[in-house]
Amino acid sequence: MDLAASPQSARAARTFVAEVLSGWDDHQRVEAAALLVSELVTNAIVHGDGPIQLSVDRTQHHAVLRVEVVDHGAGVPAAQVVPADALSGRGLAIVDAVADRWGVQPTSTGKRVWFELSDVS
């Protein structure tokens, strides 16, 4: 899915992921995946450069859900410790806490940030 670098894209990404997972009858991962994709798309909007590409895939006999967000901004994000009174900066800490695995891959034009959720059944 292609997304604009605008605040409405986080909502569109959540809806897209929920629809894909529902179509796959994968209801148990919808809530976590929607939260995590919202964080990654928001980071791409705030810290990256558009357009943004979103992909959702299942691997290993559908046991692992992988979501990728690609933007064209420079820099590689990292989870960080954020002061309790900070108004932002917790996105990747949330991804780190909820995802089974996640990472960042630099590309020739920006970066790919991804997360994986294993099947909970």
PDB file of N, CA and C in Angstrom:
ATOM      1  N   MET A   1       0.855  -1.167   0.000  1.00  0.00           N
ATOM      2  CA  MET A   1       0.000   0.000   0.000  1.00  0.00           C
ATOM      3  C   MET A   1       0.897   1.225   0.000  1.00  0.00           C
ATOM      4  N   ASP A   2       0.594   2.189  -0.831  1.00  0.00           N
ATOM      5  CA  ASP A   2       1.304   3.460  -0.842  1.00  0.00           C
ATOM      6  C   ASP A   2       0.560   4.453   0.038  1.00  0.00           C
ATOM      7  N   LEU A   3       1.320   5.193   0.841  1.00  0.00           N
ATOM      8  CA  LEU A   3       0.750   6.169   1.766  1.00  0.00           C
ATOM      9  C   LEU A   3       1.429   7.519   1.577  1.00  0.00           C
ATOM     10  N   ALA A   4       0.668   8.565   1.738  1.00  0.00           N
ATOM     11  CA  ALA A   4       1.232   9.911   1.739  1.00  0.00           C
ATOM     12  C   ALA A   4       1.863  10.181   3.093  1.00  0.00           C
ATOM     13  N   ALA A   5       2.775  11.111   3.133  1.00  0.00           N
ATOM     14  CA  ALA A   5       3.392  11.501   4.406  1.00  0.00           C
ATOM     15  C   ALA A   5       2.484  12.518   5.090  1.00  0.00           C
ATOM     16  N   SER A   6       1.311  12.044   5.535  1.00  0.00           N
ATOM     17  CA  SER A   6       0.341  12.913   6.193  1.00  0.00           C
ATOM     18  C   SER A   6      -0.241  12.193   7.409  1.00  0.00           C
ATOM     19  N   PRO A   7      -0.739  12.943   8.377  1.00  0.00           N
ATOM     20  CA  PRO A   7      -1.269  12.326   9.600  1.00  0.00           C
ATOM     21  C   PRO A   7      -2.383  11.303   9.354  1.00  0.00           C
ATOM     22  N   GLN A   8      -3.153  11.448   8.299  1.00  0.00           N
ATOM     23  CA  GLN A   8      -4.234  10.511   8.003  1.00  0.00           C
ATOM     24  C   GLN A   8      -3.704   9.129   7.618  1.00  0.00           C
ATOM     25  N   SER A   9      -2.448   9.040   7.254  1.00  0.00           N
ATOM     26  CA  SER A   9      -1.886   7.770   6.799  1.00  0.00           C
ATOM     27  C   SER A   9      -1.764   6.740   7.914  1.00  0.00           C
ATOM     28  N   ALA A  10      -1.557   7.160   9.142  1.00  0.00           N
ATOM     29  CA  ALA A  10      -1.487   6.201  10.249  1.00  0.00           C
ATOM     30  C   ALA A  10      -2.825   5.480  10.393  1.00  0.00           C
ATOM     31  N   ARG A  11      -3.900   6.211  10.290  1.00  0.00           N
ATOM     32  CA  ARG A  11      -5.231   5.595  10.372  1.00  0.00           C
ATOM     33  C   ARG A  11      -5.467   4.668   9.185  1.00  0.00           C
ATOM     34  N   ALA A  12      -5.101   5.114   7.996  1.00  0.00           N
ATOM     35  CA  ALA A  12      -5.257   4.282   6.799  1.00  0.00           C
ATOM     36  C   ALA A  12      -4.450   2.991   6.930  1.00  0.00           C
ATOM     37  N   ALA A  13      -3.256   3.078   7.502  1.00  0.00           N
ATOM     38  CA  ALA A  13      -2.404   1.905   7.690  1.00  0.00           C
ATOM     39  C   ALA A  13      -3.043   0.927   8.676  1.00  0.00           C
ATOM     40  N   ARG A  14      -3.577   1.439   9.776  1.00  0.00           N
ATOM     41  CA  ARG A  14      -4.249   0.570  10.758  1.00  0.00           C
ATOM     42  C   ARG A  14      -5.431  -0.153  10.112  1.00  0.00           C
ATOM     43  N   THR A  15      -6.218   0.586   9.360  1.00  0.00           N
ATOM     44  CA  THR A  15      -7.380   0.002   8.691  1.00  0.00           C
ATOM     45  C   THR A  15      -6.951  -1.063   7.688  1.00  0.00           C
ATOM     46  N   PHE A  16      -5.930  -0.769   6.899  1.00  0.00           N
ATOM     47  CA  PHE A  16      -5.431  -1.708   5.909  1.00  0.00           C
ATOM     48  C   PHE A  16      -4.961  -3.002   6.565  1.00  0.00           C
ATOM     49  N   VAL A  17      -4.157  -2.888   7.606  1.00  0.00           N
ATOM     50  CA  VAL A  17      -3.646  -4.074   8.300  1.00  0.00           C
ATOM     51  C   VAL A  17      -4.802  -4.881   8.892  1.00  0.00           C
ATOM     52  N   ALA A  18      -5.755  -4.216   9.511  1.00  0.00           N
ATOM     53  CA  ALA A  18      -6.903  -4.922  10.090  1.00  0.00           C
ATOM     54  C   ALA A  18      -7.706  -5.645   9.016  1.00  0.00           C
ATOM     55  N   GLU A  19      -7.892  -5.017   7.866  1.00  0.00           N
ATOM     56  CA  GLU A  19      -8.636  -5.647   6.778  1.00  0.00           C
ATOM     57  C   GLU A  19      -7.887  -6.849   6.212  1.00  0.00           C
ATOM     58  N   VAL A  20      -6.575  -6.718   6.031  1.00  0.00           N
ATOM     59  CA  VAL A  20      -5.780  -7.839   5.516  1.00  0.00           C
ATOM     60  C   VAL A  20      -5.847  -9.011   6.486  1.00  0.00           C
ATOM     61  N   LEU A  21      -5.623  -8.750   7.763  1.00  0.00           N
ATOM     62  CA  LEU A  21      -5.635  -9.840   8.741  1.00  0.00           C
ATOM     63  C   LEU A  21      -7.015 -10.457   8.882  1.00  0.00           C
ATOM     64  N   SER A  22      -8.046  -9.651   8.838  1.00  0.00           N
ATOM     65  CA  SER A  22      -9.406 -10.196   8.896  1.00  0.00           C
ATOM     66  C   SER A  22      -9.686 -11.071   7.682  1.00  0.00           C
ATOM     67  N   GLY A  23      -9.221 -10.645   6.521  1.00  0.00           N
ATOM     68  CA  GLY A  23      -9.368 -11.448   5.310  1.00  0.00           C
ATOM     69  C   GLY A  23      -8.639 -12.772   5.402  1.00  0.00           C
ATOM     70  N   TRP A  24      -7.566 -12.810   6.152  1.00  0.00           N
ATOM     71  CA  TRP A  24      -6.812 -14.045   6.371  1.00  0.00           C
ATOM     72  C   TRP A  24      -7.358 -14.833   7.558  1.00  0.00           C
ATOM     73  N   ASP A  25      -8.427 -14.352   8.172  1.00  0.00           N
ATOM     74  CA  ASP A  25      -9.010 -14.965   9.369  1.00  0.00           C
ATOM     75  C   ASP A  25      -7.978 -15.032  10.501  1.00  0.00           C
ATOM     76  N   ASP A  26      -7.216 -13.964  10.619  1.00  0.00           N
ATOM     77  CA  ASP A  26      -6.133 -13.868  11.609  1.00  0.00           C
ATOM     78  C   ASP A  26      -6.497 -12.767  12.612  1.00  0.00           C
ATOM     79  N   HIS A  27      -7.589 -12.983  13.308  1.00  0.00           N
ATOM     80  CA  HIS A  27      -8.135 -11.949  14.196  1.00  0.00           C
ATOM     81  C   HIS A  27      -7.313 -11.738  15.460  1.00  0.00           C
ATOM     82  N   GLN A  28      -6.553 -12.743  15.890  1.00  0.00           N
ATOM     83  CA  GLN A  28      -5.827 -12.641  17.153  1.00  0.00           C
ATOM     84  C   GLN A  28      -4.659 -11.655  17.096  1.00  0.00           C
ATOM     85  N   ARG A  29      -4.169 -11.324  15.908  1.00  0.00           N
ATOM     86  CA  ARG A  29      -3.028 -10.400  15.818  1.00  0.00           C
ATOM     87  C   ARG A  29      -3.425  -9.004  15.366  1.00  0.00           C
ATOM     88  N   VAL A  30      -4.698  -8.744  15.138  1.00  0.00           N
ATOM     89  CA  VAL A  30      -5.141  -7.460  14.598  1.00  0.00           C
ATOM     90  C   VAL A  30      -4.766  -6.303  15.527  1.00  0.00           C
ATOM     91  N   GLU A  31      -5.089  -6.414  16.796  1.00  0.00           N
ATOM     92  CA  GLU A  31      -4.873  -5.303  17.727  1.00  0.00           C
ATOM     93  C   GLU A  31      -3.390  -4.935  17.828  1.00  0.00           C
ATOM     94  N   ALA A  32      -2.539  -5.918  18.032  1.00  0.00           N
ATOM     95  CA  ALA A  32      -1.104  -5.648  18.156  1.00  0.00           C
ATOM     96  C   ALA A  32      -0.533  -5.107  16.849  1.00  0.00           C
ATOM     97  N   ALA A  33      -0.918  -5.720  15.724  1.00  0.00           N
ATOM     98  CA  ALA A  33      -0.398  -5.270  14.430  1.00  0.00           C
ATOM     99  C   ALA A  33      -0.845  -3.846  14.114  1.00  0.00           C
ATOM    100  N   ALA A  34      -2.087  -3.516  14.429  1.00  0.00           N
ATOM    101  CA  ALA A  34      -2.578  -2.160  14.176  1.00  0.00           C
ATOM    102  C   ALA A  34      -1.827  -1.135  15.024  1.00  0.00           C
ATOM    103  N   LEU A  35      -1.585  -1.451  16.280  1.00  0.00           N
ATOM    104  CA  LEU A  35      -0.806  -0.562  17.150  1.00  0.00           C
ATOM    105  C   LEU A  35       0.595  -0.348  16.589  1.00  0.00           C
ATOM    106  N   LEU A  36       1.262  -1.433  16.233  1.00  0.00           N
ATOM    107  CA  LEU A  36       2.647  -1.338  15.782  1.00  0.00           C
ATOM    108  C   LEU A  36       2.767  -0.634  14.439  1.00  0.00           C
ATOM    109  N   VAL A  37       1.874  -0.926  13.513  1.00  0.00           N
ATOM    110  CA  VAL A  37       1.960  -0.256  12.212  1.00  0.00           C
ATOM    111  C   VAL A  37       1.684   1.232  12.370  1.00  0.00           C
ATOM    112  N   SER A  38       0.817   1.592  13.283  1.00  0.00           N
ATOM    113  CA  SER A  38       0.553   3.001  13.540  1.00  0.00           C
ATOM    114  C   SER A  38       1.817   3.714  14.024  1.00  0.00           C
ATOM    115  N   GLU A  39       2.564   3.056  14.899  1.00  0.00           N
ATOM    116  CA  GLU A  39       3.815   3.641  15.398  1.00  0.00           C
ATOM    117  C   GLU A  39       4.839   3.794  14.275  1.00  0.00           C
ATOM    118  N   LEU A  40       4.986   2.755  13.434  1.00  0.00           N
ATOM    119  CA  LEU A  40       5.981   2.829  12.365  1.00  0.00           C
ATOM    120  C   LEU A  40       5.610   3.869  11.316  1.00  0.00           C
ATOM    121  N   VAL A  41       4.347   3.936  10.953  1.00  0.00           N
ATOM    122  CA  VAL A  41       3.923   4.930   9.957  1.00  0.00           C
ATOM    123  C   VAL A  41       4.051   6.333  10.530  1.00  0.00           C
ATOM    124  N   THR A  42       3.696   6.517  11.773  1.00  0.00           N
ATOM    125  CA  THR A  42       3.848   7.840  12.397  1.00  0.00           C
ATOM    126  C   THR A  42       5.316   8.253  12.404  1.00  0.00           C
ATOM    127  N   ASN A  43       6.215   7.320  12.738  1.00  0.00           N
ATOM    128  CA  ASN A  43       7.651   7.635  12.690  1.00  0.00           C
ATOM    129  C   ASN A  43       8.091   7.999  11.282  1.00  0.00           C
ATOM    130  N   ALA A  44       7.584   7.284  10.278  1.00  0.00           N
ATOM    131  CA  ALA A  44       7.941   7.589   8.892  1.00  0.00           C
ATOM    132  C   ALA A  44       7.446   8.972   8.495  1.00  0.00           C
ATOM    133  N   ILE A  45       6.285   9.364   8.983  1.00  0.00           N
ATOM    134  CA  ILE A  45       5.735  10.687   8.677  1.00  0.00           C
ATOM    135  C   ILE A  45       6.567  11.774   9.349  1.00  0.00           C
ATOM    136  N   VAL A  46       6.881  11.581  10.625  1.00  0.00           N
ATOM    137  CA  VAL A  46       7.569  12.609  11.410  1.00  0.00           C
ATOM    138  C   VAL A  46       9.060  12.691  11.079  1.00  0.00           C
ATOM    139  N   HIS A  47       9.704  11.547  10.932  1.00  0.00           N
ATOM    140  CA  HIS A  47      11.167  11.525  10.802  1.00  0.00           C
ATOM    141  C   HIS A  47      11.666  11.170   9.411  1.00  0.00           C
ATOM    142  N   GLY A  48      10.786  10.707   8.555  1.00  0.00           N
ATOM    143  CA  GLY A  48      11.195  10.269   7.226  1.00  0.00           C
ATOM    144  C   GLY A  48      10.815  11.273   6.160  1.00  0.00           C
ATOM    145  N   ASP A  49      10.707  10.759   4.971  1.00  0.00           N
ATOM    146  CA  ASP A  49      10.327  11.562   3.825  1.00  0.00           C
ATOM    147  C   ASP A  49       9.456  10.676   2.953  1.00  0.00           C
ATOM    148  N   GLY A  50       8.343  11.215   2.472  1.00  0.00           N
ATOM    149  CA  GLY A  50       7.399  10.422   1.691  1.00  0.00           C
ATOM    150  C   GLY A  50       7.854  10.208   0.276  1.00  0.00           C
ATOM    151  N   PRO A  51       7.161   9.395  -0.452  1.00  0.00           N
ATOM    152  CA  PRO A  51       6.010   8.609   0.002  1.00  0.00           C
ATOM    153  C   PRO A  51       6.430   7.427   0.869  1.00  0.00           C
ATOM    154  N   ILE A  52       5.438   6.797   1.463  1.00  0.00           N
ATOM    155  CA  ILE A  52       5.651   5.673   2.371  1.00  0.00           C
ATOM    156  C   ILE A  52       5.012   4.441   1.746  1.00  0.00           C
ATOM    157  N   GLN A  53       5.706   3.331   1.833  1.00  0.00           N
ATOM    158  CA  GLN A  53       5.132   2.070   1.362  1.00  0.00           C
ATOM    159  C   GLN A  53       4.940   1.144   2.565  1.00  0.00           C
ATOM    160  N   LEU A  54       3.805   0.463   2.568  1.00  0.00           N
ATOM    161  CA  LEU A  54       3.443  -0.472   3.631  1.00  0.00           C
ATOM    162  C   LEU A  54       3.196  -1.832   3.003  1.00  0.00           C
ATOM    163  N   SER A  55       3.778  -2.874   3.588  1.00  0.00           N
ATOM    164  CA  SER A  55       3.487  -4.232   3.119  1.00  0.00           C
ATOM    165  C   SER A  55       3.202  -5.136   4.308  1.00  0.00           C
ATOM    166  N   VAL A  56       2.325  -6.107   4.082  1.00  0.00           N
ATOM    167  CA  VAL A  56       1.917  -7.077   5.096  1.00  0.00           C
ATOM    168  C   VAL A  56       2.065  -8.456   4.467  1.00  0.00           C
ATOM    169  N   ASP A  57       2.736  -9.360   5.169  1.00  0.00           N
ATOM    170  CA  ASP A  57       2.975 -10.683   4.623  1.00  0.00           C
ATOM    171  C   ASP A  57       2.977 -11.702   5.753  1.00  0.00           C
ATOM    172  N   ARG A  58       2.729 -12.947   5.396  1.00  0.00           N
ATOM    173  CA  ARG A  58       2.854 -14.047   6.346  1.00  0.00           C
ATOM    174  C   ARG A  58       3.927 -14.991   5.827  1.00  0.00           C
ATOM    175  N   THR A  59       4.700 -15.523   6.752  1.00  0.00           N
ATOM    176  CA  THR A  59       5.772 -16.433   6.377  1.00  0.00           C
ATOM    177  C   THR A  59       5.678 -17.698   7.213  1.00  0.00           C
ATOM    178  N   GLN A  60       6.525 -18.647   6.921  1.00  0.00           N
ATOM    179  CA  GLN A  60       6.622 -19.886   7.706  1.00  0.00           C
ATOM    180  C   GLN A  60       5.253 -20.518   7.949  1.00  0.00           C
ATOM    181  N   HIS A  61       4.563 -20.853   6.859  1.00  0.00           N
ATOM    182  CA  HIS A  61       3.241 -21.493   6.927  1.00  0.00           C
ATOM    183  C   HIS A  61       2.240 -20.637   7.697  1.00  0.00           C
ATOM    184  N   HIS A  62       2.315 -19.335   7.492  1.00  0.00           N
ATOM    185  CA  HIS A  62       1.398 -18.352   8.084  1.00  0.00           C
ATOM    186  C   HIS A  62       1.586 -18.154   9.587  1.00  0.00           C
ATOM    187  N   ALA A  63       2.631 -18.726  10.161  1.00  0.00           N
ATOM    188  CA  ALA A  63       2.846 -18.608  11.604  1.00  0.00           C
ATOM    189  C   ALA A  63       3.435 -17.251  11.998  1.00  0.00           C
ATOM    190  N   VAL A  64       4.107 -16.573  11.078  1.00  0.00           N
ATOM    191  CA  VAL A  64       4.743 -15.298  11.385  1.00  0.00           C
ATOM    192  C   VAL A  64       4.154 -14.213  10.485  1.00  0.00           C
ATOM    193  N   LEU A  65       3.678 -13.167  11.116  1.00  0.00           N
ATOM    194  CA  LEU A  65       3.189 -11.990  10.397  1.00  0.00           C
ATOM    195  C   LEU A  65       4.329 -10.992  10.316  1.00  0.00           C
ATOM    196  N   ARG A  66       4.612 -10.485   9.123  1.00  0.00           N
ATOM    197  CA  ARG A  66       5.672  -9.490   8.946  1.00  0.00           C
ATOM    198  C   ARG A  66       5.059  -8.262   8.284  1.00  0.00           C
ATOM    199  N   VAL A  67       5.294  -7.112   8.904  1.00  0.00           N
ATOM    200  CA  VAL A  67       4.827  -5.832   8.382  1.00  0.00           C
ATOM    201  C   VAL A  67       6.043  -4.947   8.180  1.00  0.00           C
ATOM    202  N   GLU A  68       6.117  -4.313   7.007  1.00  0.00           N
ATOM    203  CA  GLU A  68       7.240  -3.440   6.675  1.00  0.00           C
ATOM    204  C   GLU A  68       6.724  -2.062   6.285  1.00  0.00           C
ATOM    205  N   VAL A  69       7.447  -1.041   6.728  1.00  0.00           N
ATOM    206  CA  VAL A  69       7.164   0.338   6.359  1.00  0.00           C
ATOM    207  C   VAL A  69       8.446   0.911   5.780  1.00  0.00           C
ATOM    208  N   VAL A  70       8.357   1.400   4.550  1.00  0.00           N
ATOM    209  CA  VAL A  70       9.516   1.951   3.853  1.00  0.00           C
ATOM    210  C   VAL A  70       9.283   3.441   3.637  1.00  0.00           C
ATOM    211  N   ASP A  71      10.287   4.241   3.992  1.00  0.00           N
ATOM    212  CA  ASP A  71      10.227   5.671   3.678  1.00  0.00           C
ATOM    213  C   ASP A  71      11.547   6.075   3.043  1.00  0.00           C
ATOM    214  N   HIS A  72      11.620   7.309   2.623  1.00  0.00           N
ATOM    215  CA  HIS A  72      12.789   7.782   1.888  1.00  0.00           C
ATOM    216  C   HIS A  72      13.601   8.799   2.683  1.00  0.00           C
ATOM    217  N   GLY A  73      13.474   8.759   3.983  1.00  0.00           N
ATOM    218  CA  GLY A  73      14.235   9.665   4.836  1.00  0.00           C
ATOM    219  C   GLY A  73      15.564   9.072   5.240  1.00  0.00           C
ATOM    220  N   ALA A  74      16.489   9.949   5.545  1.00  0.00           N
ATOM    221  CA  ALA A  74      17.806   9.508   6.015  1.00  0.00           C
ATOM    222  C   ALA A  74      17.731   9.160   7.497  1.00  0.00           C
ATOM    223  N   GLY A  75      18.735   8.480   7.974  1.00  0.00           N
ATOM    224  CA  GLY A  75      18.816   8.157   9.395  1.00  0.00           C
ATOM    225  C   GLY A  75      18.196   6.819   9.699  1.00  0.00           C
ATOM    226  N   VAL A  76      18.730   6.180  10.711  1.00  0.00           N
ATOM    227  CA  VAL A  76      18.249   4.872  11.139  1.00  0.00           C
ATOM    228  C   VAL A  76      17.703   5.017  12.550  1.00  0.00           C
ATOM    229  N   PRO A  77      16.411   4.741  12.736  1.00  0.00           N
ATOM    230  CA  PRO A  77      15.821   4.892  14.067  1.00  0.00           C
ATOM    231  C   PRO A  77      16.280   3.809  15.027  1.00  0.00           C
ATOM    232  N   ALA A  78      16.203   4.127  16.302  1.00  0.00           N
ATOM    233  CA  ALA A  78      16.543   3.162  17.348  1.00  0.00           C
ATOM    234  C   ALA A  78      15.636   3.397  18.539  1.00  0.00           C
ATOM    235  N   ALA A  79      15.293   2.320  19.232  1.00  0.00           N
ATOM    236  CA  ALA A  79      14.516   2.461  20.468  1.00  0.00           C
ATOM    237  C   ALA A  79      15.382   3.187  21.482  1.00  0.00           C
ATOM    238  N   GLN A  80      14.761   4.005  22.283  1.00  0.00           N
ATOM    239  CA  GLN A  80      15.513   4.798  23.246  1.00  0.00           C
ATOM    240  C   GLN A  80      14.746   4.906  24.552  1.00  0.00           C
ATOM    241  N   VAL A  81      15.465   5.214  25.600  1.00  0.00           N
ATOM    242  CA  VAL A  81      14.830   5.488  26.884  1.00  0.00           C
ATOM    243  C   VAL A  81      14.343   6.926  26.836  1.00  0.00           C
ATOM    244  N   VAL A  82      13.070   7.115  27.149  1.00  0.00           N
ATOM    245  CA  VAL A  82      12.444   8.427  27.055  1.00  0.00           C
ATOM    246  C   VAL A  82      12.052   8.883  28.455  1.00  0.00           C
ATOM    247  N   PRO A  83      12.352  10.132  28.808  1.00  0.00           N
ATOM    248  CA  PRO A  83      11.931  10.631  30.124  1.00  0.00           C
ATOM    249  C   PRO A  83      10.416  10.528  30.294  1.00  0.00           C
ATOM    250  N   ALA A  84       9.968  10.300  31.507  1.00  0.00           N
ATOM    251  CA  ALA A  84       8.551  10.106  31.790  1.00  0.00           C
ATOM    252  C   ALA A  84       7.704  11.297  31.381  1.00  0.00           C
ATOM    253  N   ASP A  85       8.253  12.504  31.415  1.00  0.00           N
ATOM    254  CA  ASP A  85       7.474  13.690  31.076  1.00  0.00           C
ATOM    255  C   ASP A  85       7.574  14.072  29.594  1.00  0.00           C
ATOM    256  N   ALA A  86       8.248  13.274  28.784  1.00  0.00           N
ATOM    257  CA  ALA A  86       8.369  13.565  27.350  1.00  0.00           C
ATOM    258  C   ALA A  86       7.020  13.364  26.663  1.00  0.00           C
ATOM    259  N   LEU A  87       6.745  14.201  25.672  1.00  0.00           N
ATOM    260  CA  LEU A  87       5.482  14.126  24.946  1.00  0.00           C
ATOM    261  C   LEU A  87       5.548  13.175  23.749  1.00  0.00           C
ATOM    262  N   SER A  88       6.727  12.758  23.363  1.00  0.00           N
ATOM    263  CA  SER A  88       6.866  11.843  22.230  1.00  0.00           C
ATOM    264  C   SER A  88       8.134  11.026  22.405  1.00  0.00           C
ATOM    265  N   GLY A  89       8.394  10.129  21.453  1.00  0.00           N
ATOM    266  CA  GLY A  89       9.622   9.367  21.473  1.00  0.00           C
ATOM    267  C   GLY A  89       9.496   7.942  21.958  1.00  0.00           C
ATOM    268  N   ARG A  90       8.265   7.488  22.205  1.00  0.00           N
ATOM    269  CA  ARG A  90       8.075   6.135  22.736  1.00  0.00           C
ATOM    270  C   ARG A  90       7.717   5.097  21.675  1.00  0.00           C
ATOM    271  N   GLY A  91       7.572   5.513  20.423  1.00  0.00           N
ATOM    272  CA  GLY A  91       7.088   4.625  19.371  1.00  0.00           C
ATOM    273  C   GLY A  91       7.876   3.346  19.227  1.00  0.00           C
ATOM    274  N   LEU A  92       9.190   3.457  19.072  1.00  0.00           N
ATOM    275  CA  LEU A  92       9.989   2.248  18.886  1.00  0.00           C
ATOM    276  C   LEU A  92      10.130   1.446  20.177  1.00  0.00           C
ATOM    277  N   ALA A  93      10.011   2.101  21.314  1.00  0.00           N
ATOM    278  CA  ALA A  93      10.001   1.356  22.579  1.00  0.00           C
ATOM    279  C   ALA A  93       8.744   0.483  22.655  1.00  0.00           C
ATOM    280  N   ILE A  94       7.630   0.993  22.153  1.00  0.00           N
ATOM    281  CA  ILE A  94       6.397   0.202  22.094  1.00  0.00           C
ATOM    282  C   ILE A  94       6.579  -0.960  21.127  1.00  0.00           C
ATOM    283  N   VAL A  95       7.157  -0.686  19.965  1.00  0.00           N
ATOM    284  CA  VAL A  95       7.406  -1.744  18.988  1.00  0.00           C
ATOM    285  C   VAL A  95       8.303  -2.815  19.610  1.00  0.00           C
ATOM    286  N   ASP A  96       9.345  -2.388  20.292  1.00  0.00           N
ATOM    287  CA  ASP A  96      10.272  -3.324  20.930  1.00  0.00           C
ATOM    288  C   ASP A  96       9.575  -4.182  21.986  1.00  0.00           C
ATOM    289  N   ALA A  97       8.638  -3.595  22.708  1.00  0.00           N
ATOM    290  CA  ALA A  97       7.947  -4.314  23.778  1.00  0.00           C
ATOM    291  C   ALA A  97       6.889  -5.287  23.257  1.00  0.00           C
ATOM    292  N   VAL A  98       6.248  -4.959  22.143  1.00  0.00           N
ATOM    293  CA  VAL A  98       5.114  -5.750  21.667  1.00  0.00           C
ATOM    294  C   VAL A  98       5.503  -6.756  20.584  1.00  0.00           C
ATOM    295  N   ALA A  99       6.378  -6.372  19.676  1.00  0.00           N
ATOM    296  CA  ALA A  99       6.745  -7.249  18.561  1.00  0.00           C
ATOM    297  C   ALA A  99       7.624  -8.401  19.041  1.00  0.00           C
ATOM    298  N   ASP A 100       7.524  -9.522  18.358  1.00  0.00           N
ATOM    299  CA  ASP A 100       8.426 -10.634  18.651  1.00  0.00           C
ATOM    300  C   ASP A 100       9.828 -10.327  18.135  1.00  0.00           C
ATOM    301  N   ARG A 101       9.894  -9.677  16.993  1.00  0.00           N
ATOM    302  CA  ARG A 101      11.154  -9.237  16.395  1.00  0.00           C
ATOM    303  C   ARG A 101      10.872  -7.962  15.618  1.00  0.00           C
ATOM    304  N   TRP A 102      11.883  -7.115  15.487  1.00  0.00           N
ATOM    305  CA  TRP A 102      11.760  -5.935  14.647  1.00  0.00           C
ATOM    306  C   TRP A 102      13.158  -5.484  14.259  1.00  0.00           C
ATOM    307  N   GLY A 103      13.221  -4.647  13.264  1.00  0.00           N
ATOM    308  CA  GLY A 103      14.518  -4.165  12.852  1.00  0.00           C
ATOM    309  C   GLY A 103      14.414  -3.057  11.824  1.00  0.00           C
ATOM    310  N   VAL A 104      15.586  -2.571  11.435  1.00  0.00           N
ATOM    311  CA  VAL A 104      15.700  -1.479  10.469  1.00  0.00           C
ATOM    312  C   VAL A 104      16.731  -1.900   9.435  1.00  0.00           C
ATOM    313  N   GLN A 105      16.397  -1.700   8.176  1.00  0.00           N
ATOM    314  CA  GLN A 105      17.326  -1.989   7.089  1.00  0.00           C
ATOM    315  C   GLN A 105      17.458  -0.734   6.229  1.00  0.00           C
ATOM    316  N   PRO A 106      18.660  -0.183   6.139  1.00  0.00           N
ATOM    317  CA  PRO A 106      18.851   0.942   5.224  1.00  0.00           C
ATOM    318  C   PRO A 106      18.614   0.477   3.783  1.00  0.00           C
ATOM    319  N   THR A 107      18.049   1.336   2.966  1.00  0.00           N
ATOM    320  CA  THR A 107      17.870   1.067   1.544  1.00  0.00           C
ATOM    321  C   THR A 107      18.648   2.125   0.770  1.00  0.00           C
ATOM    322  N   SER A 108      18.691   1.990  -0.529  1.00  0.00           N
ATOM    323  CA  SER A 108      19.434   2.965  -1.344  1.00  0.00           C
ATOM    324  C   SER A 108      18.792   4.347  -1.294  1.00  0.00           C
ATOM    325  N   THR A 109      17.505   4.419  -0.935  1.00  0.00           N
ATOM    326  CA  THR A 109      16.813   5.706  -0.911  1.00  0.00           C
ATOM    327  C   THR A 109      16.249   6.077   0.453  1.00  0.00           C
ATOM    328  N   GLY A 110      16.471   5.276   1.468  1.00  0.00           N
ATOM    329  CA  GLY A 110      15.904   5.566   2.788  1.00  0.00           C
ATOM    330  C   GLY A 110      16.083   4.398   3.727  1.00  0.00           C
ATOM    331  N   LYS A 111      14.940   3.886   4.240  1.00  0.00           N
ATOM    332  CA  LYS A 111      15.022   2.777   5.195  1.00  0.00           C
ATOM    333  C   LYS A 111      13.742   1.961   5.175  1.00  0.00           C
ATOM    334  N   ARG A 112      13.878   0.718   5.624  1.00  0.00           N
ATOM    335  CA  ARG A 112      12.773  -0.205   5.806  1.00  0.00           C
ATOM    336  C   ARG A 112      12.761  -0.565   7.285  1.00  0.00           C
ATOM    337  N   VAL A 113      11.641  -0.290   7.946  1.00  0.00           N
ATOM    338  CA  VAL A 113      11.471  -0.665   9.349  1.00  0.00           C
ATOM    339  C   VAL A 113      10.385  -1.741   9.366  1.00  0.00           C
ATOM    340  N   TRP A 114      10.662  -2.830  10.057  1.00  0.00           N
ATOM    341  CA  TRP A 114       9.752  -3.966  10.025  1.00  0.00           C
ATOM    342  C   TRP A 114       9.538  -4.529  11.425  1.00  0.00           C
ATOM    343  N   PHE A 115       8.432  -5.257  11.556  1.00  0.00           N
ATOM    344  CA  PHE A 115       8.205  -6.021  12.781  1.00  0.00           C
ATOM    345  C   PHE A 115       7.579  -7.351  12.412  1.00  0.00           C
ATOM    346  N   GLU A 116       7.721  -8.303  13.306  1.00  0.00           N
ATOM    347  CA  GLU A 116       7.115  -9.613  13.157  1.00  0.00           C
ATOM    348  C   GLU A 116       6.346  -9.969  14.425  1.00  0.00           C
ATOM    349  N   LEU A 117       5.215 -10.606  14.215  1.00  0.00           N
ATOM    350  CA  LEU A 117       4.397 -11.151  15.297  1.00  0.00           C
ATOM    351  C   LEU A 117       4.186 -12.627  15.016  1.00  0.00           C
ATOM    352  N   SER A 118       4.507 -13.456  15.975  1.00  0.00           N
ATOM    353  CA  SER A 118       4.290 -14.896  15.814  1.00  0.00           C
ATOM    354  C   SER A 118       2.835 -15.225  16.111  1.00  0.00           C
ATOM    355  N   ASP A 119       2.391 -16.348  15.560  1.00  0.00           N
ATOM    356  CA  ASP A 119       1.045 -16.831  15.796  1.00  0.00           C
ATOM    357  C   ASP A 119       0.884 -17.118  17.287  1.00  0.00           C
ATOM    358  N   VAL A 120      -0.196 -16.664  17.871  1.00  0.00           N
ATOM    359  CA  VAL A 120      -0.419 -16.843  19.307  1.00  0.00           C
ATOM    360  C   VAL A 120      -1.188 -18.114  19.630  1.00  0.00           C
ATOM    361  N   SER A 121      -1.628 -18.834  18.611  1.00  0.00           N
ATOM    362  CA  SER A 121      -2.403 -20.058  18.902  1.00  0.00           C
ATOM    363  C   SER A 121      -1.509 -21.250  19.102  1.00  0.00           C
TER     364      SER A 121
END
